[in-house]
Amino acid sequence: MKKQKKTSEALLRAQKKYKSEKTKLIGTQFLLAEDADVIEKLTSVPNRRKYLVDLVRADIQKDGRIYHVSSGSLKASEFPEAGELILDDLVEGD
C-alpha cells in the first residue's frame, strides 16, 4: 500500500493565498434538457478552461479588440481596424 504524503500547513496556506490572489472562479449552471449539446461538448474536451478561454478570446478578437497577455497582466486596446490577438508569455493550465 502506497503511503500518502502529508501536506504541511504552510504549503496549504501558500496554495490558498495563491488561489485567492491569482485566480477567479466563475461557475455557471446548465439546463439538462436545453443545454444537453453544450454539456456534452464541455465534458468531452480534455481542457475545459483552455477551450472556454480560446472561445472567449476568439469572440473578443471578432469585436476588434486586441488583448495583450504579458507577465500575468491582461490589457485591452481598442483599435477599430484591428482583428488580431496577441499573446505573449501565456501559460496554460486548468
PDB file of N, CA and C in Angstrom:
ATOM      1  N   MET A   1       0.838  -1.181   0.000  1.00  0.00           N
ATOM      2  CA  MET A   1       0.000   0.000   0.000  1.00  0.00           C
ATOM      3  C   MET A   1       0.886   1.249   0.000  1.00  0.00           C
ATOM      4  N   LYS A   2       0.518   2.204  -0.854  1.00  0.00           N
ATOM      5  CA  LYS A   2       1.300   3.414  -1.017  1.00  0.00           C
ATOM      6  C   LYS A   2       1.027   4.392   0.124  1.00  0.00           C
ATOM      7  N   LYS A   3       2.078   4.982   0.649  1.00  0.00           N
ATOM      8  CA  LYS A   3       1.953   5.974   1.706  1.00  0.00           C
ATOM      9  C   LYS A   3       1.582   7.322   1.118  1.00  0.00           C
ATOM     10  N   GLN A   4       0.610   7.995   1.715  1.00  0.00           N
ATOM     11  CA  GLN A   4       0.241   9.327   1.262  1.00  0.00           C
ATOM     12  C   GLN A   4       1.109  10.352   1.982  1.00  0.00           C
ATOM     13  N   LYS A   5       1.583  11.321   1.213  1.00  0.00           N
ATOM     14  CA  LYS A   5       2.369  12.394   1.800  1.00  0.00           C
ATOM     15  C   LYS A   5       1.446  13.367   2.517  1.00  0.00           C
ATOM     16  N   LYS A   6       1.874  13.828   3.665  1.00  0.00           N
ATOM     17  CA  LYS A   6       1.120  14.850   4.374  1.00  0.00           C
ATOM     18  C   LYS A   6       1.465  16.209   3.783  1.00  0.00           C
ATOM     19  N   THR A   7       0.450  17.017   3.614  1.00  0.00           N
ATOM     20  CA  THR A   7       0.660  18.370   3.126  1.00  0.00           C
ATOM     21  C   THR A   7       0.818  19.280   4.336  1.00  0.00           C
ATOM     22  N   SER A   8       1.905  20.016   4.357  1.00  0.00           N
ATOM     23  CA  SER A   8       2.163  20.885   5.505  1.00  0.00           C
ATOM     24  C   SER A   8       1.166  22.036   5.557  1.00  0.00           C
ATOM     25  N   GLU A   9       0.964  22.538   6.742  1.00  0.00           N
ATOM     26  CA  GLU A   9       0.074  23.688   6.935  1.00  0.00           C
ATOM     27  C   GLU A   9       0.575  24.899   6.156  1.00  0.00           C
ATOM     28  N   ALA A  10       1.897  25.087   6.127  1.00  0.00           N
ATOM     29  CA  ALA A  10       2.476  26.226   5.396  1.00  0.00           C
ATOM     30  C   ALA A  10       2.174  26.115   3.906  1.00  0.00           C
ATOM     31  N   LEU A  11       2.278  24.910   3.357  1.00  0.00           N
ATOM     32  CA  LEU A  11       2.001  24.711   1.935  1.00  0.00           C
ATOM     33  C   LEU A  11       0.524  24.970   1.647  1.00  0.00           C
ATOM     34  N   LEU A  12      -0.346  24.489   2.513  1.00  0.00           N
ATOM     35  CA  LEU A  12      -1.774  24.732   2.327  1.00  0.00           C
ATOM     36  C   LEU A  12      -2.103  26.219   2.368  1.00  0.00           C
ATOM     37  N   ARG A  13      -1.484  26.947   3.294  1.00  0.00           N
ATOM     38  CA  ARG A  13      -1.696  28.403   3.374  1.00  0.00           C
ATOM     39  C   ARG A  13      -1.187  29.092   2.104  1.00  0.00           C
ATOM     40  N   ALA A  14      -0.010  28.673   1.623  1.00  0.00           N
ATOM     41  CA  ALA A  14       0.566  29.277   0.419  1.00  0.00           C
ATOM     42  C   ALA A  14      -0.326  29.019  -0.797  1.00  0.00           C
ATOM     43  N   GLN A  15      -0.851  27.797  -0.909  1.00  0.00           N
ATOM     44  CA  GLN A  15      -1.742  27.470  -2.024  1.00  0.00           C
ATOM     45  C   GLN A  15      -3.030  28.284  -1.956  1.00  0.00           C
ATOM     46  N   LYS A  16      -3.578  28.433  -0.753  1.00  0.00           N
ATOM     47  CA  LYS A  16      -4.796  29.207  -0.579  1.00  0.00           C
ATOM     48  C   LYS A  16      -4.565  30.675  -0.930  1.00  0.00           C
ATOM     49  N   LYS A  17      -3.431  31.222  -0.488  1.00  0.00           N
ATOM     50  CA  LYS A  17      -3.092  32.612  -0.794  1.00  0.00           C
ATOM     51  C   LYS A  17      -2.934  32.809  -2.303  1.00  0.00           C
ATOM     52  N   TYR A  18      -2.215  31.891  -2.963  1.00  0.00           N
ATOM     53  CA  TYR A  18      -2.016  31.981  -4.407  1.00  0.00           C
ATOM     54  C   TYR A  18      -3.365  31.972  -5.123  1.00  0.00           C
ATOM     55  N   LYS A  19      -4.231  31.026  -4.761  1.00  0.00           N
ATOM     56  CA  LYS A  19      -5.542  30.939  -5.401  1.00  0.00           C
ATOM     57  C   LYS A  19      -6.349  32.214  -5.217  1.00  0.00           C
ATOM     58  N   SER A  20      -6.318  32.777  -4.011  1.00  0.00           N
ATOM     59  CA  SER A  20      -7.125  33.974  -3.766  1.00  0.00           C
ATOM     60  C   SER A  20      -6.580  35.197  -4.494  1.00  0.00           C
ATOM     61  N   GLU A  21      -5.259  35.257  -4.692  1.00  0.00           N
ATOM     62  CA  GLU A  21      -4.656  36.424  -5.351  1.00  0.00           C
ATOM     63  C   GLU A  21      -4.556  36.290  -6.860  1.00  0.00           C
ATOM     64  N   LYS A  22      -4.440  35.074  -7.370  1.00  0.00           N
ATOM     65  CA  LYS A  22      -4.116  34.888  -8.787  1.00  0.00           C
ATOM     66  C   LYS A  22      -5.217  34.251  -9.623  1.00  0.00           C
ATOM     67  N   THR A  23      -6.295  33.794  -9.004  1.00  0.00           N
ATOM     68  CA  THR A  23      -7.325  33.106  -9.775  1.00  0.00           C
ATOM     69  C   THR A  23      -8.703  33.677  -9.475  1.00  0.00           C
ATOM     70  N   LYS A  24      -9.641  33.397 -10.359  1.00  0.00           N
ATOM     71  CA  LYS A  24     -11.040  33.804 -10.204  1.00  0.00           C
ATOM     72  C   LYS A  24     -11.884  32.626 -10.653  1.00  0.00           C
ATOM     73  N   LEU A  25     -12.754  32.148  -9.787  1.00  0.00           N
ATOM     74  CA  LEU A  25     -13.644  31.043 -10.119  1.00  0.00           C
ATOM     75  C   LEU A  25     -14.961  31.618 -10.618  1.00  0.00           C
ATOM     76  N   ILE A  26     -15.329  31.233 -11.833  1.00  0.00           N
ATOM     77  CA  ILE A  26     -16.595  31.663 -12.411  1.00  0.00           C
ATOM     78  C   ILE A  26     -17.362  30.399 -12.765  1.00  0.00           C
ATOM     79  N   GLY A  27     -18.482  30.193 -12.112  1.00  0.00           N
ATOM     80  CA  GLY A  27     -19.276  28.991 -12.345  1.00  0.00           C
ATOM     81  C   GLY A  27     -20.597  29.325 -12.992  1.00  0.00           C
ATOM     82  N   THR A  28     -21.178  28.328 -13.621  1.00  0.00           N
ATOM     83  CA  THR A  28     -22.497  28.505 -14.220  1.00  0.00           C
ATOM     84  C   THR A  28     -23.223  27.174 -14.180  1.00  0.00           C
ATOM     85  N   GLN A  29     -24.525  27.234 -14.218  1.00  0.00           N
ATOM     86  CA  GLN A  29     -25.332  26.026 -14.265  1.00  0.00           C
ATOM     87  C   GLN A  29     -25.969  25.927 -15.638  1.00  0.00           C
ATOM     88  N   PHE A  30     -26.124  24.688 -16.099  1.00  0.00           N
ATOM     89  CA  PHE A  30     -26.733  24.438 -17.398  1.00  0.00           C
ATOM     90  C   PHE A  30     -28.032  23.662 -17.200  1.00  0.00           C
ATOM     91  N   LEU A  31     -28.970  23.895 -18.080  1.00  0.00           N
ATOM     92  CA  LEU A  31     -30.226  23.152 -18.058  1.00  0.00           C
ATOM     93  C   LEU A  31     -30.021  21.836 -18.805  1.00  0.00           C
ATOM     94  N   LEU A  32     -30.338  20.725 -18.154  1.00  0.00           N
ATOM     95  CA  LEU A  32     -30.069  19.413 -18.740  1.00  0.00           C
ATOM     96  C   LEU A  32     -30.740  19.232 -20.098  1.00  0.00           C
ATOM     97  N   ALA A  33     -31.975  19.638 -20.222  1.00  0.00           N
ATOM     98  CA  ALA A  33     -32.695  19.429 -21.474  1.00  0.00           C
ATOM     99  C   ALA A  33     -32.274  20.415 -22.557  1.00  0.00           C
ATOM    100  N   GLU A  34     -32.242  21.693 -22.208  1.00  0.00           N
ATOM    101  CA  GLU A  34     -31.965  22.726 -23.213  1.00  0.00           C
ATOM    102  C   GLU A  34     -30.494  22.825 -23.599  1.00  0.00           C
ATOM    103  N   ASP A  35     -29.595  22.504 -22.691  1.00  0.00           N
ATOM    104  CA  ASP A  35     -28.166  22.680 -22.936  1.00  0.00           C
ATOM    105  C   ASP A  35     -27.412  21.356 -23.069  1.00  0.00           C
ATOM    106  N   ALA A  36     -28.122  20.297 -23.408  1.00  0.00           N
ATOM    107  CA  ALA A  36     -27.505  18.970 -23.479  1.00  0.00           C
ATOM    108  C   ALA A  36     -26.316  18.942 -24.436  1.00  0.00           C
ATOM    109  N   ASP A  37     -26.429  19.618 -25.566  1.00  0.00           N
ATOM    110  CA  ASP A  37     -25.331  19.638 -26.531  1.00  0.00           C
ATOM    111  C   ASP A  37     -24.103  20.359 -25.973  1.00  0.00           C
ATOM    112  N   VAL A  38     -24.337  21.438 -25.241  1.00  0.00           N
ATOM    113  CA  VAL A  38     -23.236  22.198 -24.643  1.00  0.00           C
ATOM    114  C   VAL A  38     -22.571  21.367 -23.548  1.00  0.00           C
ATOM    115  N   ILE A  39     -23.379  20.721 -22.725  1.00  0.00           N
ATOM    116  CA  ILE A  39     -22.854  19.871 -21.657  1.00  0.00           C
ATOM    117  C   ILE A  39     -22.009  18.742 -22.242  1.00  0.00           C
ATOM    118  N   GLU A  40     -22.513  18.117 -23.294  1.00  0.00           N
ATOM    119  CA  GLU A  40     -21.782  17.015 -23.931  1.00  0.00           C
ATOM    120  C   GLU A  40     -20.435  17.495 -24.477  1.00  0.00           C
ATOM    121  N   LYS A  41     -20.444  18.651 -25.132  1.00  0.00           N
ATOM    122  CA  LYS A  41     -19.189  19.187 -25.683  1.00  0.00           C
ATOM    123  C   LYS A  41     -18.198  19.519 -24.578  1.00  0.00           C
ATOM    124  N   LEU A  42     -18.656  20.223 -23.545  1.00  0.00           N
ATOM    125  CA  LEU A  42     -17.754  20.623 -22.458  1.00  0.00           C
ATOM    126  C   LEU A  42     -17.181  19.421 -21.716  1.00  0.00           C
ATOM    127  N   THR A  43     -17.964  18.375 -21.584  1.00  0.00           N
ATOM    128  CA  THR A  43     -17.448  17.193 -20.894  1.00  0.00           C
ATOM    129  C   THR A  43     -16.544  16.354 -21.786  1.00  0.00           C
ATOM    130  N   SER A  44     -16.537  16.618 -23.086  1.00  0.00           N
ATOM    131  CA  SER A  44     -15.706  15.827 -23.999  1.00  0.00           C
ATOM    132  C   SER A  44     -14.325  16.433 -24.257  1.00  0.00           C
ATOM    133  N   VAL A  45     -14.147  17.714 -23.972  1.00  0.00           N
ATOM    134  CA  VAL A  45     -12.850  18.334 -24.234  1.00  0.00           C
ATOM    135  C   VAL A  45     -11.891  18.049 -23.078  1.00  0.00           C
ATOM    136  N   PRO A  46     -10.616  17.824 -23.388  1.00  0.00           N
ATOM    137  CA  PRO A  46      -9.663  17.466 -22.337  1.00  0.00           C
ATOM    138  C   PRO A  46      -9.332  18.617 -21.378  1.00  0.00           C
ATOM    139  N   ASN A  47      -9.420  19.863 -21.842  1.00  0.00           N
ATOM    140  CA  ASN A  47      -9.058  21.006 -21.007  1.00  0.00           C
ATOM    141  C   ASN A  47     -10.141  22.072 -21.164  1.00  0.00           C
ATOM    142  N   ARG A  48     -11.143  22.033 -20.281  1.00  0.00           N
ATOM    143  CA  ARG A  48     -12.286  22.953 -20.389  1.00  0.00           C
ATOM    144  C   ARG A  48     -11.880  24.406 -20.256  1.00  0.00           C
ATOM    145  N   ARG A  49     -10.986  24.699 -19.344  1.00  0.00           N
ATOM    146  CA  ARG A  49     -10.563  26.083 -19.142  1.00  0.00           C
ATOM    147  C   ARG A  49      -9.956  26.649 -20.414  1.00  0.00           C
ATOM    148  N   LYS A  50      -9.028  25.923 -21.010  1.00  0.00           N
ATOM    149  CA  LYS A  50      -8.384  26.375 -22.237  1.00  0.00           C
ATOM    150  C   LYS A  50      -9.412  26.517 -23.366  1.00  0.00           C
ATOM    151  N   TYR A  51     -10.307  25.555 -23.481  1.00  0.00           N
ATOM    152  CA  TYR A  51     -11.329  25.585 -24.517  1.00  0.00           C
ATOM    153  C   TYR A  51     -12.202  26.835 -24.392  1.00  0.00           C
ATOM    154  N   LEU A  52     -12.680  27.112 -23.182  1.00  0.00           N
ATOM    155  CA  LEU A  52     -13.536  28.277 -22.965  1.00  0.00           C
ATOM    156  C   LEU A  52     -12.775  29.590 -23.156  1.00  0.00           C
ATOM    157  N   VAL A  53     -11.544  29.642 -22.671  1.00  0.00           N
ATOM    158  CA  VAL A  53     -10.728  30.850 -22.841  1.00  0.00           C
ATOM    159  C   VAL A  53     -10.491  31.110 -24.327  1.00  0.00           C
ATOM    160  N   ASP A  54     -10.180  30.070 -25.085  1.00  0.00           N
ATOM    161  CA  ASP A  54      -9.969  30.232 -26.532  1.00  0.00           C
ATOM    162  C   ASP A  54     -11.232  30.743 -27.224  1.00  0.00           C
ATOM    163  N   LEU A  55     -12.398  30.201 -26.846  1.00  0.00           N
ATOM    164  CA  LEU A  55     -13.658  30.660 -27.447  1.00  0.00           C
ATOM    165  C   LEU A  55     -13.926  32.130 -27.133  1.00  0.00           C
ATOM    166  N   VAL A  56     -13.725  32.519 -25.885  1.00  0.00           N
ATOM    167  CA  VAL A  56     -13.972  33.908 -25.489  1.00  0.00           C
ATOM    168  C   VAL A  56     -12.990  34.839 -26.179  1.00  0.00           C
ATOM    169  N   ARG A  57     -11.725  34.452 -26.247  1.00  0.00           N
ATOM    170  CA  ARG A  57     -10.735  35.311 -26.915  1.00  0.00           C
ATOM    171  C   ARG A  57     -11.016  35.435 -28.405  1.00  0.00           C
ATOM    172  N   ALA A  58     -11.497  34.372 -29.034  1.00  0.00           N
ATOM    173  CA  ALA A  58     -11.869  34.454 -30.450  1.00  0.00           C
ATOM    174  C   ALA A  58     -13.035  35.422 -30.627  1.00  0.00           C
ATOM    175  N   ASP A  59     -13.977  35.404 -29.695  1.00  0.00           N
ATOM    176  CA  ASP A  59     -15.108  36.332 -29.749  1.00  0.00           C
ATOM    177  C   ASP A  59     -14.638  37.768 -29.537  1.00  0.00           C
ATOM    178  N   ILE A  60     -13.722  37.960 -28.616  1.00  0.00           N
ATOM    179  CA  ILE A  60     -13.148  39.289 -28.377  1.00  0.00           C
ATOM    180  C   ILE A  60     -12.434  39.773 -29.638  1.00  0.00           C
ATOM    181  N   GLN A  61     -11.705  38.893 -30.273  1.00  0.00           N
ATOM    182  CA  GLN A  61     -10.972  39.237 -31.491  1.00  0.00           C
ATOM    183  C   GLN A  61     -11.934  39.684 -32.590  1.00  0.00           C
ATOM    184  N   LYS A  62     -13.066  39.019 -32.706  1.00  0.00           N
ATOM    185  CA  LYS A  62     -14.063  39.407 -33.706  1.00  0.00           C
ATOM    186  C   LYS A  62     -14.577  40.814 -33.447  1.00  0.00           C
ATOM    187  N   ASP A  63     -14.641  41.209 -32.185  1.00  0.00           N
ATOM    188  CA  ASP A  63     -15.126  42.546 -31.810  1.00  0.00           C
ATOM    189  C   ASP A  63     -14.106  43.637 -32.096  1.00  0.00           C
ATOM    190  N   GLY A  64     -12.913  43.281 -32.559  1.00  0.00           N
ATOM    191  CA  GLY A  64     -11.911  44.276 -32.885  1.00  0.00           C
ATOM    192  C   GLY A  64     -11.078  44.727 -31.717  1.00  0.00           C
ATOM    193  N   ARG A  65     -10.967  43.923 -30.701  1.00  0.00           N
ATOM    194  CA  ARG A  65     -10.129  44.269 -29.557  1.00  0.00           C
ATOM    195  C   ARG A  65      -8.865  43.428 -29.624  1.00  0.00           C
ATOM    196  N   ILE A  66      -7.788  44.034 -29.252  1.00  0.00           N
ATOM    197  CA  ILE A  66      -6.519  43.317 -29.172  1.00  0.00           C
ATOM    198  C   ILE A  66      -6.196  43.150 -27.692  1.00  0.00           C
ATOM    199  N   TYR A  67      -5.962  41.948 -27.285  1.00  0.00           N
ATOM    200  CA  TYR A  67      -5.603  41.682 -25.896  1.00  0.00           C
ATOM    201  C   TYR A  67      -4.152  41.254 -25.829  1.00  0.00           C
ATOM    202  N   HIS A  68      -3.401  41.910 -24.986  1.00  0.00           N
ATOM    203  CA  HIS A  68      -2.008  41.580 -24.763  1.00  0.00           C
ATOM    204  C   HIS A  68      -1.911  40.859 -23.426  1.00  0.00           C
ATOM    205  N   VAL A  69      -1.386  39.664 -23.451  1.00  0.00           N
ATOM    206  CA  VAL A  69      -1.179  38.928 -22.210  1.00  0.00           C
ATOM    207  C   VAL A  69       0.320  38.870 -22.007  1.00  0.00           C
ATOM    208  N   SER A  70       0.801  39.562 -21.011  1.00  0.00           N
ATOM    209  CA  SER A  70       2.234  39.617 -20.768  1.00  0.00           C
ATOM    210  C   SER A  70       2.482  39.722 -19.278  1.00  0.00           C
ATOM    211  N   SER A  71       3.346  38.894 -18.783  1.00  0.00           N
ATOM    212  CA  SER A  71       3.731  38.910 -17.372  1.00  0.00           C
ATOM    213  C   SER A  71       2.516  38.871 -16.448  1.00  0.00           C
ATOM    214  N   GLY A  72       1.541  38.079 -16.803  1.00  0.00           N
ATOM    215  CA  GLY A  72       0.392  37.883 -15.938  1.00  0.00           C
ATOM    216  C   GLY A  72      -0.644  38.983 -15.951  1.00  0.00           C
ATOM    217  N   SER A  73      -0.477  40.014 -16.800  1.00  0.00           N
ATOM    218  CA  SER A  73      -1.478  41.073 -16.842  1.00  0.00           C
ATOM    219  C   SER A  73      -2.194  41.048 -18.184  1.00  0.00           C
ATOM    220  N   LEU A  74      -3.430  41.448 -18.182  1.00  0.00           N
ATOM    221  CA  LEU A  74      -4.236  41.472 -19.389  1.00  0.00           C
ATOM    222  C   LEU A  74      -4.615  42.915 -19.663  1.00  0.00           C
ATOM    223  N   LYS A  75      -4.208  43.416 -20.835  1.00  0.00           N
ATOM    224  CA  LYS A  75      -4.502  44.806 -21.194  1.00  0.00           C
ATOM    225  C   LYS A  75      -5.232  44.819 -22.532  1.00  0.00           C
ATOM    226  N   ALA A  76      -6.311  45.525 -22.601  1.00  0.00           N
ATOM    227  CA  ALA A  76      -7.077  45.607 -23.846  1.00  0.00           C
ATOM    228  C   ALA A  76      -6.893  46.984 -24.462  1.00  0.00           C
ATOM    229  N   SER A  77      -6.728  46.991 -25.764  1.00  0.00           N
ATOM    230  CA  SER A  77      -6.635  48.243 -26.505  1.00  0.00           C
ATOM    231  C   SER A  77      -7.690  48.219 -27.597  1.00  0.00           C
ATOM    232  N   GLU A  78      -8.336  49.316 -27.801  1.00  0.00           N
ATOM    233  CA  GLU A  78      -9.392  49.414 -28.800  1.00  0.00           C
ATOM    234  C   GLU A  78      -8.802  49.928 -30.110  1.00  0.00           C
ATOM    235  N   PHE A  79      -8.889  49.124 -31.154  1.00  0.00           N
ATOM    236  CA  PHE A  79      -8.450  49.516 -32.488  1.00  0.00           C
ATOM    237  C   PHE A  79      -9.557  49.123 -33.452  1.00  0.00           C
ATOM    238  N   PRO A  80     -10.273  50.085 -34.053  1.00  0.00           N
ATOM    239  CA  PRO A  80     -11.409  49.764 -34.924  1.00  0.00           C
ATOM    240  C   PRO A  80     -11.052  48.844 -36.076  1.00  0.00           C
ATOM    241  N   GLU A  81      -9.852  48.994 -36.635  1.00  0.00           N
ATOM    242  CA  GLU A  81      -9.494  48.176 -37.782  1.00  0.00           C
ATOM    243  C   GLU A  81      -8.786  46.887 -37.396  1.00  0.00           C
ATOM    244  N   ALA A  82      -8.499  46.718 -36.141  1.00  0.00           N
ATOM    245  CA  ALA A  82      -7.712  45.564 -35.714  1.00  0.00           C
ATOM    246  C   ALA A  82      -8.577  44.322 -35.596  1.00  0.00           C
ATOM    247  N   GLY A  83      -7.969  43.220 -35.850  1.00  0.00           N
ATOM    248  CA  GLY A  83      -8.652  41.947 -35.676  1.00  0.00           C
ATOM    249  C   GLY A  83      -7.659  40.864 -35.328  1.00  0.00           C
ATOM    250  N   GLU A  84      -6.647  41.198 -34.550  1.00  0.00           N
ATOM    251  CA  GLU A  84      -5.658  40.194 -34.221  1.00  0.00           C
ATOM    252  C   GLU A  84      -5.547  40.011 -32.715  1.00  0.00           C
ATOM    253  N   LEU A  85      -5.088  38.866 -32.358  1.00  0.00           N
ATOM    254  CA  LEU A  85      -4.939  38.514 -30.957  1.00  0.00           C
ATOM    255  C   LEU A  85      -3.456  38.325 -30.693  1.00  0.00           C
ATOM    256  N   ILE A  86      -2.920  39.031 -29.724  1.00  0.00           N
ATOM    257  CA  ILE A  86      -1.506  38.938 -29.411  1.00  0.00           C
ATOM    258  C   ILE A  86      -1.357  38.329 -28.030  1.00  0.00           C
ATOM    259  N   LEU A  87      -0.692  37.206 -27.948  1.00  0.00           N
ATOM    260  CA  LEU A  87      -0.477  36.545 -26.682  1.00  0.00           C
ATOM    261  C   LEU A  87       1.018  36.409 -26.427  1.00  0.00           C
ATOM    262  N   ASP A  88       1.509  37.009 -25.373  1.00  0.00           N
ATOM    263  CA  ASP A  88       2.909  36.909 -25.001  1.00  0.00           C
ATOM    264  C   ASP A  88       3.003  36.229 -23.648  1.00  0.00           C
ATOM    265  N   ASP A  89       3.903  35.297 -23.523  1.00  0.00           N
ATOM    266  CA  ASP A  89       4.180  34.652 -22.237  1.00  0.00           C
ATOM    267  C   ASP A  89       2.919  34.064 -21.606  1.00  0.00           C
ATOM    268  N   LEU A  90       2.061  33.461 -22.409  1.00  0.00           N
ATOM    269  CA  LEU A  90       0.838  32.864 -21.876  1.00  0.00           C
ATOM    270  C   LEU A  90       1.149  31.474 -21.363  1.00  0.00           C
ATOM    271  N   VAL A  91       0.768  31.204 -20.129  1.00  0.00           N
ATOM    272  CA  VAL A  91       0.958  29.889 -19.539  1.00  0.00           C
ATOM    273  C   VAL A  91      -0.400  29.253 -19.429  1.00  0.00           C
ATOM    274  N   GLU A  92      -0.552  28.068 -20.012  1.00  0.00           N
ATOM    275  CA  GLU A  92      -1.834  27.384 -19.987  1.00  0.00           C
ATOM    276  C   GLU A  92      -1.894  26.477 -18.772  1.00  0.00           C
ATOM    277  N   GLY A  93      -3.099  26.261 -18.313  1.00  0.00           N
ATOM    278  CA  GLY A  93      -3.321  25.366 -17.193  1.00  0.00           C
ATOM    279  C   GLY A  93      -4.778  25.329 -16.831  1.00  0.00           C
ATOM    280  N   ASP A  94      -5.114  24.388 -15.987  1.00  0.00           N
ATOM    281  CA  ASP A  94      -6.509  24.265 -15.547  1.00  0.00           C
ATOM    282  C   ASP A  94      -6.803  25.122 -14.387  1.00  0.00           C
TER     283      ASP A  94
END
